[in-house]
Amino acid sequence: MNSTEPLVDSSAQTADRRRWFALAIVMTAAFMDLVDVTIVNIAIPSIQQDAGASFSQIQWITAGYALAFAAGLITGGRLGDIHGRKRLFLVGIGGFTIASALCGFAANPEMLVASRILQGGMAAMMVPQVLSIVHATFPAHERGKVFGLFGAVVGLGAVSGPLLGALLTEWNLFGLEWRPIFLINLPVGIAGLILGRRFIAESKAPKALKLDLVGVALVILGLLMLLYPLTRGRELGWPLWGYVSMAGAFVVFAALVAYERRKADRDGSPLIELSLFRVKSFAAGIAVQTVFGVALGIFFLVWTLYMQVGLGWSPLRAGLTGVPFSIAVSAAAGLSVQQLVPRFGRKVLQAGALVMGAGVLLYIWESDRYGMSIASWQMALPLVVMGLGMGLIVAPLTDAVLSDVPREHSGSASGLINTVQQMGNALGLGLVSVVFFGTIGDDLRPAETGPAFVNGFQHALVWVAAVMGVIFLLMFALPRRPAQHVEGGDGQLPAGEREAALVG
């Protein structure tokens, strides 16, 4: 060997290979979670028909996951910081796999709802560790490439979820109907668990915040007191206890605020950093994220029911119809972050709200004009307009919300933003019983079902359009020029990198 030739450190090469294997494993887990969120919506009508689920149970199949995921996100991040991110990731992916099996083999709708709640809770243990492991494994100069890969995974998950759900439902593998949409997670989860134990390096936060289990319990209690009467009220004739429960939810939220204030003074580790709400742009941004989550929760469930139950389309046709929407979101998100927001700032987000609202109104007009005979290609234009508007919002929104937040609180703020959007999504799914099911009536004859669902869809979209108007007004409180921040904990990706990842 030439003495001037540099020696290659085999241990360094092995470590390098191991971290790229680790990256592939955690990104596969993130993909599994992303697909699971979108794959279920397309199969909802099949679940209703095959399992005999009621409308309120359908809402809880989706809302239960979102609620458990939201409630556990910050706690999951902190548990990883305290006990080790690899350990919590393995607990999360193992639990997610078991919950997926329980969903796939659910004997009745009640078991499916409970399994979905468990699945959301396990996702909350798993997902925060993904980005924390990336930060602990890769140096800063390599993260741009890593988050570019992560963005591709996010985009692939958004597009492939509905199509995969449609194909698995349509194929009816082994006569299992909708069940393969959950069972497909089993081989992926088992492989992730085995390979994760071998290749992921353990890491912890040097100074992790304490858990706030009382805060988590108050959040869950308040949301349940609000959501349960919303989803069950119509079927039960809106009993008095439902109104009492919903009013009591606000008492619980008031108690949460008082408790979090005391906990911040006592040990500095509250679940919710209340001082952040003194920042006007952050308070407005949290409102935007919550209300936006409500709009998305309403739209996606109602849209699926409209196409498959109202129009009688197959899951595959419904899934393919949504492809232009997904492509438009990805294209507009990339353009928004890379070119438009640096030049025009807040106006881009406000334009996104108006464009998405215009797409919703166009969809209402087309649905009314063509009625039951509407074709997939006729839906393409409103879906592309809506997708462009949504893409302009979702990518730069977190940066805009975090612009005026002190750097030391950016991690907590980022975690809270993700949490409230999921909670808004759960609330939107709960409101479907009011804005959609409340208009279609009960005991419909077969000939009445289609027109009733078309009318309910149009009514629900009026609410979505109104919500986009509210979002446009709230955005005036956001800073004119968003600035990027750095990570501060809770296992959350810093704003700029998180949104760059979103758009690839």
Protein backbone atom coordinates (compact mmCIF):
# COMPACT_ATOMS: atom_id res chain seq x y z
CA MET A 1 0.00 0.00 0.00
CA ASN A 2 1.22 3.50 -0.80
CA SER A 3 2.22 5.15 2.46
CA THR A 4 0.88 8.50 1.28
CA GLU A 5 -2.62 7.06 0.72
CA PRO A 6 -4.97 7.96 3.61
CA LEU A 7 -6.19 5.09 5.75
CA VAL A 8 -9.98 4.62 5.92
CA ASP A 9 -11.39 4.33 9.42
CA SER A 10 -13.61 1.24 9.21
CA SER A 11 -15.37 2.08 12.48
CA ALA A 12 -16.29 5.53 11.10
CA GLN A 13 -17.65 3.90 7.93
CA THR A 14 -19.72 1.48 10.04
CA ALA A 15 -21.11 4.33 12.14
CA ASP A 16 -21.96 6.25 8.97
CA ARG A 17 -23.84 3.27 7.54
CA ARG A 18 -25.66 2.73 10.83
CA ARG A 19 -27.00 6.28 10.98
CA TRP A 20 -28.33 6.10 7.42
CA PHE A 21 -30.02 2.81 8.29
CA ALA A 22 -31.45 4.56 11.36
CA LEU A 23 -32.72 7.38 9.15
CA ALA A 24 -34.47 4.92 6.84
CA ILE A 25 -36.12 3.23 9.82
CA VAL A 26 -37.48 6.39 11.46
CA MET A 27 -38.66 7.78 8.11
CA THR A 28 -40.48 4.55 7.39
CA ALA A 29 -42.25 4.94 10.73
CA ALA A 30 -43.13 8.55 9.89
CA PHE A 31 -44.46 7.41 6.52
CA MET A 32 -46.55 4.72 8.23
CA ASP A 33 -48.15 7.34 10.48
CA LEU A 34 -48.79 9.78 7.61
CA VAL A 35 -50.38 7.10 5.46
CA ASP A 36 -52.49 5.86 8.35
CA VAL A 37 -54.05 9.30 8.81
CA THR A 38 -55.12 9.55 5.15
CA ILE A 39 -55.75 5.88 4.36
CA VAL A 40 -58.66 5.55 6.79
CA ASN A 41 -60.84 8.33 5.36
CA ILE A 42 -61.19 6.64 1.98
CA ALA A 43 -62.28 3.37 3.63
CA ILE A 44 -64.83 4.93 6.01
CA PRO A 45 -67.93 4.06 3.92
CA SER A 46 -66.74 0.45 3.60
CA ILE A 47 -66.19 0.29 7.37
CA GLN A 48 -69.67 1.66 7.95
CA GLN A 49 -71.26 -0.87 5.62
CA ASP A 50 -69.25 -3.94 6.67
CA ALA A 51 -68.98 -3.30 10.42
CA GLY A 52 -72.37 -1.64 10.85
CA ALA A 53 -70.87 1.48 12.40
CA SER A 54 -73.15 4.37 13.26
CA PHE A 55 -72.42 7.90 12.05
CA SER A 56 -71.09 8.91 15.47
CA GLN A 57 -68.81 5.86 15.55
CA ILE A 58 -67.48 6.81 12.12
CA GLN A 59 -66.62 10.23 13.51
CA TRP A 60 -64.81 8.67 16.46
CA ILE A 61 -62.81 6.30 14.24
CA THR A 62 -61.12 9.40 12.84
CA ALA A 63 -61.53 11.92 15.69
CA GLY A 64 -60.38 9.46 18.36
CA TYR A 65 -57.03 9.03 16.61
CA ALA A 66 -56.59 12.80 16.20
CA LEU A 67 -57.54 13.49 19.83
CA ALA A 68 -55.19 10.86 21.29
CA PHE A 69 -52.39 11.98 18.97
CA ALA A 70 -52.85 15.64 19.93
CA ALA A 71 -53.09 14.97 23.65
CA GLY A 72 -49.91 12.88 23.69
CA LEU A 73 -47.61 14.83 21.35
CA ILE A 74 -45.87 17.09 23.87
CA THR A 75 -45.78 14.37 26.53
CA GLY A 76 -44.34 11.91 24.01
CA GLY A 77 -41.57 14.35 23.14
CA ARG A 78 -40.72 14.94 26.79
CA LEU A 79 -40.73 11.23 27.61
CA GLY A 80 -38.19 10.74 24.84
CA ASP A 81 -36.03 13.55 26.21
CA ILE A 82 -36.15 12.01 29.71
CA HIS A 83 -36.01 8.24 29.10
CA GLY A 84 -34.29 8.07 25.73
CA ARG A 85 -35.57 8.72 22.22
CA LYS A 86 -34.68 5.28 20.91
CA ARG A 87 -36.52 3.62 23.80
CA LEU A 88 -39.67 5.71 23.29
CA PHE A 89 -39.52 5.24 19.52
CA LEU A 90 -39.45 1.46 19.97
CA VAL A 91 -42.31 1.63 22.49
CA GLY A 92 -44.27 3.81 20.08
CA ILE A 93 -43.72 1.71 16.94
CA GLY A 94 -44.37 -1.50 18.86
CA GLY A 95 -47.59 -0.11 20.35
CA PHE A 96 -48.65 1.33 16.98
CA THR A 97 -48.18 -2.09 15.38
CA ILE A 98 -50.22 -3.84 18.09
CA ALA A 99 -52.96 -1.20 17.82
CA SER A 100 -52.99 -1.65 14.03
CA ALA A 101 -53.52 -5.39 14.51
CA LEU A 102 -56.38 -4.69 16.95
CA CYS A 103 -57.94 -2.33 14.38
CA GLY A 104 -57.58 -4.92 11.63
CA PHE A 105 -59.16 -7.68 13.70
CA ALA A 106 -61.77 -5.49 15.41
CA ALA A 107 -64.90 -7.55 16.11
CA ASN A 108 -67.24 -4.54 16.30
CA PRO A 109 -67.24 -0.75 15.85
CA GLU A 110 -66.63 -0.14 19.56
CA MET A 111 -63.43 -2.19 19.47
CA LEU A 112 -62.32 -0.34 16.34
CA VAL A 113 -62.85 3.07 17.98
CA ALA A 114 -60.91 1.98 21.09
CA SER A 115 -58.09 0.56 18.95
CA ARG A 116 -57.88 3.77 16.92
CA ILE A 117 -57.57 5.82 20.13
CA LEU A 118 -54.75 3.50 21.25
CA GLN A 119 -53.14 3.84 17.81
CA GLY A 120 -53.22 7.65 18.06
CA GLY A 121 -51.65 7.52 21.53
CA MET A 122 -48.85 5.26 20.31
CA ALA A 123 -48.26 7.54 17.31
CA ALA A 124 -47.80 10.38 19.81
CA MET A 125 -45.01 8.36 21.45
CA MET A 126 -43.38 7.50 18.12
CA VAL A 127 -43.62 10.59 15.90
CA PRO A 128 -41.86 13.20 18.12
CA GLN A 129 -38.84 10.91 18.40
CA VAL A 130 -38.36 10.79 14.61
CA LEU A 131 -37.09 14.34 14.28
CA SER A 132 -35.28 14.23 17.62
CA ILE A 133 -33.35 11.14 16.50
CA VAL A 134 -32.44 12.90 13.25
CA HIS A 135 -31.12 15.90 15.20
CA ALA A 136 -29.12 13.68 17.53
CA THR A 137 -27.72 11.54 14.69
CA PHE A 138 -26.81 14.03 11.95
CA PRO A 139 -24.63 17.15 12.17
CA ALA A 140 -26.15 20.51 11.22
CA HIS A 141 -24.48 20.68 7.79
CA GLU A 142 -26.14 17.40 6.70
CA ARG A 143 -29.66 18.15 7.93
CA GLY A 144 -30.69 20.03 4.80
CA LYS A 145 -30.26 16.85 2.75
CA VAL A 146 -31.96 14.79 5.45
CA PHE A 147 -34.99 17.08 5.67
CA GLY A 148 -35.22 17.10 1.90
CA LEU A 149 -35.60 13.32 2.06
CA PHE A 150 -38.12 13.72 4.86
CA GLY A 151 -40.10 16.15 2.71
CA ALA A 152 -40.23 13.59 -0.07
CA VAL A 153 -41.55 11.03 2.40
CA VAL A 154 -44.23 13.48 3.57
CA GLY A 155 -45.30 14.22 0.00
CA LEU A 156 -45.35 10.54 -0.90
CA GLY A 157 -47.44 9.76 2.18
CA ALA A 158 -49.98 12.47 1.37
CA VAL A 159 -50.46 11.24 -2.21
CA SER A 160 -50.18 7.49 -1.67
CA GLY A 161 -52.38 7.21 1.45
CA PRO A 162 -55.77 7.70 -0.26
CA LEU A 163 -54.71 5.64 -3.30
CA LEU A 164 -53.34 2.80 -1.17
CA GLY A 165 -56.50 2.83 0.96
CA ALA A 166 -58.66 2.78 -2.17
CA LEU A 167 -56.75 -0.13 -3.73
CA LEU A 168 -56.68 -2.24 -0.56
CA THR A 169 -60.40 -1.68 -0.02
CA GLU A 170 -61.26 -2.31 -3.68
CA TRP A 171 -59.20 -5.49 -3.92
CA ASN A 172 -60.91 -7.01 -0.86
CA LEU A 173 -57.86 -9.16 -0.15
CA PHE A 174 -58.76 -12.60 1.27
CA GLY A 175 -62.32 -11.33 1.72
CA LEU A 176 -61.14 -9.01 4.51
CA GLU A 177 -62.91 -5.92 3.09
CA TRP A 178 -61.35 -2.78 4.70
CA ARG A 179 -59.16 -4.58 7.25
CA PRO A 180 -55.93 -4.69 5.16
CA ILE A 181 -55.61 -0.88 5.48
CA PHE A 182 -54.60 -1.55 9.10
CA LEU A 183 -52.98 -4.97 8.73
CA ILE A 184 -50.48 -3.61 6.18
CA ASN A 185 -48.79 -1.86 9.13
CA LEU A 186 -47.87 -5.17 10.77
CA PRO A 187 -44.87 -6.28 8.62
CA VAL A 188 -43.64 -2.66 8.42
CA GLY A 189 -43.93 -2.15 12.18
CA ILE A 190 -42.28 -5.47 13.07
CA ALA A 191 -39.37 -4.76 10.71
CA GLY A 192 -39.01 -1.25 12.17
CA LEU A 193 -38.97 -2.65 15.70
CA ILE A 194 -36.29 -5.26 14.94
CA LEU A 195 -34.06 -2.98 12.86
CA GLY A 196 -34.58 -0.01 15.17
CA ARG A 197 -33.18 -1.94 18.15
CA ARG A 198 -30.06 -2.71 16.14
CA PHE A 199 -29.29 0.50 14.25
CA ILE A 200 -30.73 3.48 16.15
CA ALA A 201 -28.37 5.09 18.67
CA GLU A 202 -29.81 6.14 22.03
CA SER A 203 -29.94 9.82 22.95
CA LYS A 204 -31.47 11.98 25.68
CA ALA A 205 -31.88 15.68 26.32
CA PRO A 206 -29.17 17.10 28.62
CA LYS A 207 -31.84 18.91 30.63
CA ALA A 208 -35.33 17.57 29.98
CA LEU A 209 -38.49 19.23 31.28
CA LYS A 210 -40.66 17.32 33.75
CA LEU A 211 -43.90 15.64 32.78
CA ASP A 212 -47.19 17.46 33.32
CA LEU A 213 -49.64 14.56 33.54
CA VAL A 214 -52.27 16.68 35.30
CA GLY A 215 -52.18 19.13 32.40
CA VAL A 216 -52.59 16.27 29.89
CA ALA A 217 -55.51 14.85 31.90
CA LEU A 218 -57.28 18.24 32.00
CA VAL A 219 -56.81 18.72 28.23
CA ILE A 220 -58.25 15.27 27.48
CA LEU A 221 -61.14 15.72 29.92
CA GLY A 222 -62.07 19.12 28.51
CA LEU A 223 -61.98 17.91 24.91
CA LEU A 224 -64.00 14.78 25.68
CA MET A 225 -66.64 16.86 27.49
CA LEU A 226 -66.86 19.03 24.37
CA LEU A 227 -66.57 16.40 21.62
CA TYR A 228 -68.67 13.54 22.97
CA PRO A 229 -71.94 15.52 23.13
CA LEU A 230 -71.22 16.97 19.68
CA THR A 231 -70.86 13.54 18.08
CA ARG A 232 -73.67 11.80 20.02
CA GLY A 233 -76.07 14.70 20.52
CA ARG A 234 -77.94 14.43 17.22
CA GLU A 235 -78.58 10.70 17.59
CA LEU A 236 -79.78 11.14 21.19
CA GLY A 237 -82.01 14.14 20.47
CA TRP A 238 -79.67 16.73 22.04
CA PRO A 239 -80.30 15.86 25.72
CA LEU A 240 -79.74 18.37 28.54
CA TRP A 241 -76.65 16.57 29.85
CA GLY A 242 -74.93 17.26 26.51
CA TYR A 243 -75.29 21.02 26.90
CA VAL A 244 -74.16 20.78 30.53
CA SER A 245 -71.10 18.76 29.47
CA MET A 246 -70.14 21.24 26.74
CA ALA A 247 -70.52 24.18 29.15
CA GLY A 248 -68.49 22.26 31.75
CA ALA A 249 -65.67 21.80 29.21
CA PHE A 250 -64.95 25.53 29.37
CA VAL A 251 -64.78 25.31 33.19
CA VAL A 252 -62.19 22.54 32.79
CA PHE A 253 -60.19 24.65 30.34
CA ALA A 254 -60.27 27.55 32.82
CA ALA A 255 -58.96 25.17 35.51
CA LEU A 256 -56.24 24.07 33.09
CA VAL A 257 -55.07 27.67 32.63
CA ALA A 258 -54.99 28.26 36.39
CA TYR A 259 -53.09 25.00 37.00
CA GLU A 260 -50.56 25.66 34.22
CA ARG A 261 -49.88 29.13 35.62
CA ARG A 262 -49.15 27.67 39.08
CA LYS A 263 -47.00 24.87 37.64
CA ALA A 264 -44.92 27.34 35.65
CA ASP A 265 -44.22 29.30 38.84
CA ARG A 266 -43.50 26.13 40.84
CA ASP A 267 -41.10 24.11 38.64
CA GLY A 268 -40.98 25.80 35.21
CA SER A 269 -42.26 22.75 33.27
CA PRO A 270 -45.91 23.32 32.35
CA LEU A 271 -47.54 21.44 29.50
CA ILE A 272 -48.55 24.80 27.98
CA GLU A 273 -46.22 27.81 28.25
CA LEU A 274 -48.88 30.47 28.91
CA SER A 275 -46.42 33.35 28.59
CA LEU A 276 -46.33 32.63 24.86
CA PHE A 277 -49.88 33.92 24.51
CA ARG A 278 -48.69 37.41 25.43
CA VAL A 279 -47.08 37.45 21.98
CA LYS A 280 -49.85 38.71 19.69
CA SER A 281 -48.65 36.91 16.57
CA PHE A 282 -48.36 33.60 18.43
CA ALA A 283 -51.83 33.89 19.99
CA ALA A 284 -53.33 34.71 16.59
CA GLY A 285 -51.33 31.92 14.95
CA ILE A 286 -52.59 29.37 17.46
CA ALA A 287 -56.13 30.51 16.65
CA VAL A 288 -55.38 30.15 12.92
CA GLN A 289 -53.94 26.64 13.38
CA THR A 290 -56.92 25.54 15.48
CA VAL A 291 -59.55 26.94 13.14
CA PHE A 292 -57.69 25.60 10.09
CA GLY A 293 -57.67 22.17 11.72
CA VAL A 294 -61.46 22.46 12.21
CA ALA A 295 -61.94 23.26 8.50
CA LEU A 296 -59.80 20.30 7.39
CA GLY A 297 -61.51 17.94 9.85
CA ILE A 298 -64.93 18.85 8.44
CA PHE A 299 -63.94 18.81 4.78
CA PHE A 300 -62.09 15.52 4.42
CA LEU A 301 -64.64 13.31 6.19
CA VAL A 302 -67.63 14.96 4.48
CA TRP A 303 -65.87 14.82 1.10
CA THR A 304 -65.34 11.06 1.39
CA LEU A 305 -68.96 10.41 2.39
CA TYR A 306 -70.21 12.66 -0.41
CA MET A 307 -68.30 10.79 -3.11
CA GLN A 308 -68.79 7.22 -1.92
CA VAL A 309 -72.18 7.26 -0.17
CA GLY A 310 -73.84 10.23 -1.86
CA LEU A 311 -72.60 9.70 -5.43
CA GLY A 312 -72.09 5.94 -5.06
CA TRP A 313 -68.50 5.97 -6.33
CA SER A 314 -66.03 3.17 -5.64
CA PRO A 315 -63.16 3.79 -3.19
CA LEU A 316 -60.69 3.69 -6.10
CA ARG A 317 -62.57 6.34 -8.09
CA ALA A 318 -62.82 8.54 -4.99
CA GLY A 319 -59.10 8.10 -4.29
CA LEU A 320 -58.08 8.97 -7.85
CA THR A 321 -60.36 12.01 -7.82
CA GLY A 322 -58.29 13.47 -4.97
CA VAL A 323 -54.94 13.20 -6.77
CA PRO A 324 -55.11 16.71 -8.36
CA PHE A 325 -55.71 18.17 -4.90
CA SER A 326 -52.60 16.48 -3.42
CA ILE A 327 -50.41 17.52 -6.36
CA ALA A 328 -51.63 21.13 -6.14
CA VAL A 329 -50.89 21.27 -2.39
CA SER A 330 -47.32 20.02 -2.91
CA ALA A 331 -46.62 22.37 -5.82
CA ALA A 332 -47.99 25.47 -4.07
CA ALA A 333 -46.25 24.62 -0.79
CA GLY A 334 -42.83 24.48 -2.48
CA LEU A 335 -43.44 27.71 -4.38
CA SER A 336 -44.73 29.43 -1.24
CA VAL A 337 -41.72 28.68 0.96
CA GLN A 338 -38.98 29.09 -1.63
CA GLN A 339 -40.12 32.13 -3.61
CA LEU A 340 -43.34 33.84 -2.55
CA VAL A 341 -43.10 34.28 1.24
CA PRO A 342 -39.54 35.73 1.15
CA ARG A 343 -40.87 38.44 -1.21
CA PHE A 344 -44.44 39.06 -0.05
CA GLY A 345 -44.55 37.75 3.54
CA ARG A 346 -47.93 37.51 5.28
CA LYS A 347 -49.88 38.41 2.11
CA VAL A 348 -49.09 34.97 0.69
CA LEU A 349 -50.85 33.23 3.59
CA GLN A 350 -53.84 35.55 3.32
CA ALA A 351 -53.99 34.95 -0.42
CA GLY A 352 -53.95 31.21 0.35
CA ALA A 353 -56.98 31.57 2.64
CA LEU A 354 -58.89 33.50 -0.03
CA VAL A 355 -57.90 31.08 -2.82
CA MET A 356 -58.88 28.05 -0.77
CA GLY A 357 -62.18 29.72 0.15
CA ALA A 358 -62.79 30.47 -3.55
CA GLY A 359 -62.12 26.81 -4.39
CA VAL A 360 -64.65 25.73 -1.77
CA LEU A 361 -67.29 28.09 -3.20
CA LEU A 362 -66.53 26.83 -6.71
CA TYR A 363 -66.98 23.26 -5.47
CA ILE A 364 -70.37 24.17 -3.96
CA TRP A 365 -71.45 25.73 -7.28
CA GLU A 366 -70.36 22.72 -9.34
CA SER A 367 -71.96 20.25 -6.94
CA ASP A 368 -75.23 22.18 -7.13
CA ARG A 369 -75.08 22.56 -10.91
CA TYR A 370 -74.28 18.94 -11.80
CA GLY A 371 -75.94 17.22 -8.84
CA MET A 372 -75.74 13.44 -8.87
CA SER A 373 -74.29 13.37 -12.41
CA ILE A 374 -71.08 15.25 -11.55
CA ALA A 375 -67.93 13.61 -12.95
CA SER A 376 -64.44 13.32 -11.48
CA TRP A 377 -62.94 15.62 -14.13
CA GLN A 378 -65.50 18.30 -13.25
CA MET A 379 -64.24 18.24 -9.66
CA ALA A 380 -60.63 18.75 -10.77
CA LEU A 381 -60.83 22.54 -11.08
CA PRO A 382 -62.22 23.32 -7.59
CA LEU A 383 -59.89 20.73 -6.05
CA VAL A 384 -56.83 22.24 -7.74
CA VAL A 385 -57.87 25.75 -6.60
CA MET A 386 -58.41 24.49 -3.04
CA GLY A 387 -55.09 22.63 -3.12
CA LEU A 388 -53.19 25.70 -4.31
CA GLY A 389 -54.72 27.76 -1.50
CA MET A 390 -53.95 25.14 1.12
CA GLY A 391 -50.36 24.81 -0.11
CA LEU A 392 -49.81 28.55 0.23
CA ILE A 393 -50.89 28.30 3.89
CA VAL A 394 -49.54 25.06 5.34
CA ALA A 395 -45.87 25.44 4.41
CA PRO A 396 -45.02 28.91 5.81
CA LEU A 397 -47.61 29.12 8.59
CA THR A 398 -45.50 27.74 11.44
CA ASP A 399 -42.64 30.13 10.67
CA ALA A 400 -45.10 33.03 10.71
CA VAL A 401 -46.53 31.94 14.06
CA LEU A 402 -43.08 31.53 15.64
CA SER A 403 -41.56 34.75 14.29
CA ASP A 404 -41.94 36.81 17.47
CA VAL A 405 -41.56 33.93 19.96
CA PRO A 406 -38.41 34.08 22.16
CA ARG A 407 -35.82 31.58 20.98
CA GLU A 408 -35.73 29.71 24.29
CA HIS A 409 -39.44 28.88 23.90
CA SER A 410 -39.48 27.98 20.19
CA GLY A 411 -39.48 24.22 20.83
CA SER A 412 -42.41 24.40 23.26
CA ALA A 413 -44.24 26.76 20.90
CA SER A 414 -43.70 24.44 17.92
CA GLY A 415 -45.02 21.48 19.91
CA LEU A 416 -48.08 23.47 20.95
CA ILE A 417 -48.76 24.48 17.33
CA ASN A 418 -48.75 20.86 16.19
CA THR A 419 -50.96 19.88 19.11
CA VAL A 420 -53.66 22.51 18.61
CA GLN A 421 -53.95 21.73 14.90
CA GLN A 422 -54.65 18.09 15.75
CA MET A 423 -57.13 19.19 18.40
CA GLY A 424 -58.80 21.47 15.86
CA ASN A 425 -58.99 18.51 13.51
CA ALA A 426 -60.70 16.42 16.19
CA LEU A 427 -63.14 19.26 16.90
CA GLY A 428 -63.91 19.59 13.17
CA LEU A 429 -64.64 15.86 12.97
CA GLY A 430 -66.98 16.27 15.96
CA LEU A 431 -68.78 19.16 14.27
CA VAL A 432 -69.54 16.98 11.23
CA SER A 433 -72.58 15.70 13.12
CA VAL A 434 -73.91 19.27 13.26
CA VAL A 435 -72.96 20.73 9.87
CA PHE A 436 -73.42 17.55 7.78
CA PHE A 437 -75.39 14.76 9.45
CA GLY A 438 -77.72 17.32 11.00
CA THR A 439 -78.95 18.30 7.53
CA ILE A 440 -79.45 14.91 5.86
CA GLY A 441 -82.12 13.49 8.18
CA ASP A 442 -82.65 9.96 9.49
CA ASP A 443 -84.18 6.81 7.96
CA LEU A 444 -83.59 7.83 4.36
CA ARG A 445 -84.98 5.65 1.60
CA PRO A 446 -82.37 4.47 -0.94
CA ALA A 447 -83.60 6.94 -3.55
CA GLU A 448 -83.26 9.81 -1.04
CA THR A 449 -79.76 9.02 0.18
CA GLY A 450 -77.80 10.47 -2.76
CA PRO A 451 -79.59 13.85 -2.97
CA ALA A 452 -79.54 14.19 0.83
CA PHE A 453 -75.77 13.61 0.98
CA VAL A 454 -75.18 16.04 -1.90
CA ASN A 455 -77.20 18.68 -0.06
CA GLY A 456 -75.38 17.96 3.20
CA PHE A 457 -72.03 18.26 1.44
CA GLN A 458 -72.93 21.68 0.07
CA HIS A 459 -74.14 22.83 3.49
CA ALA A 460 -70.94 21.65 5.20
CA LEU A 461 -68.80 23.42 2.58
CA VAL A 462 -70.56 26.71 3.31
CA TRP A 463 -69.22 26.37 6.85
CA VAL A 464 -65.73 25.57 5.53
CA ALA A 465 -65.81 28.68 3.31
CA ALA A 466 -66.89 30.81 6.30
CA VAL A 467 -64.01 29.38 8.35
CA MET A 468 -61.53 30.37 5.61
CA GLY A 469 -62.87 33.93 5.85
CA VAL A 470 -62.24 33.91 9.62
CA ILE A 471 -58.70 32.61 9.01
CA PHE A 472 -58.05 35.43 6.53
CA LEU A 473 -59.00 38.02 9.17
CA LEU A 474 -56.97 36.34 11.94
CA MET A 475 -53.89 36.42 9.72
CA PHE A 476 -53.74 40.23 9.99
CA ALA A 477 -52.25 39.65 13.46
CA LEU A 478 -49.35 37.62 12.02
CA PRO A 479 -46.04 39.44 11.40
CA ARG A 480 -45.53 40.89 7.93
CA ARG A 481 -42.24 39.05 7.45
CA PRO A 482 -41.86 35.63 9.16
CA ALA A 483 -38.46 34.83 10.62
CA GLN A 484 -36.98 31.40 11.27
CA HIS A 485 -36.13 30.07 14.70
CA VAL A 486 -34.08 27.26 16.15
CA GLU A 487 -35.16 24.16 17.99
CA GLY A 488 -35.87 24.39 21.69
CA GLY A 489 -36.97 20.93 22.81
CA ASP A 490 -40.03 18.73 23.07
CA GLY A 491 -38.75 16.66 20.19
CA GLN A 492 -40.13 19.15 17.69
CA LEU A 493 -38.49 20.17 14.46
CA PRO A 494 -37.62 23.87 14.27
CA ALA A 495 -40.05 25.87 12.22
CA GLY A 496 -37.99 26.50 9.12
CA GLU A 497 -36.79 22.91 8.83
CA ARG A 498 -40.23 21.49 9.62
CA GLU A 499 -41.87 23.40 6.79
CA ALA A 500 -38.98 22.75 4.40
CA ALA A 501 -39.50 19.07 5.19
CA LEU A 502 -43.20 19.40 4.50
CA VAL A 503 -42.64 20.61 0.95
CA GLY A 504 -39.47 18.70 0.18
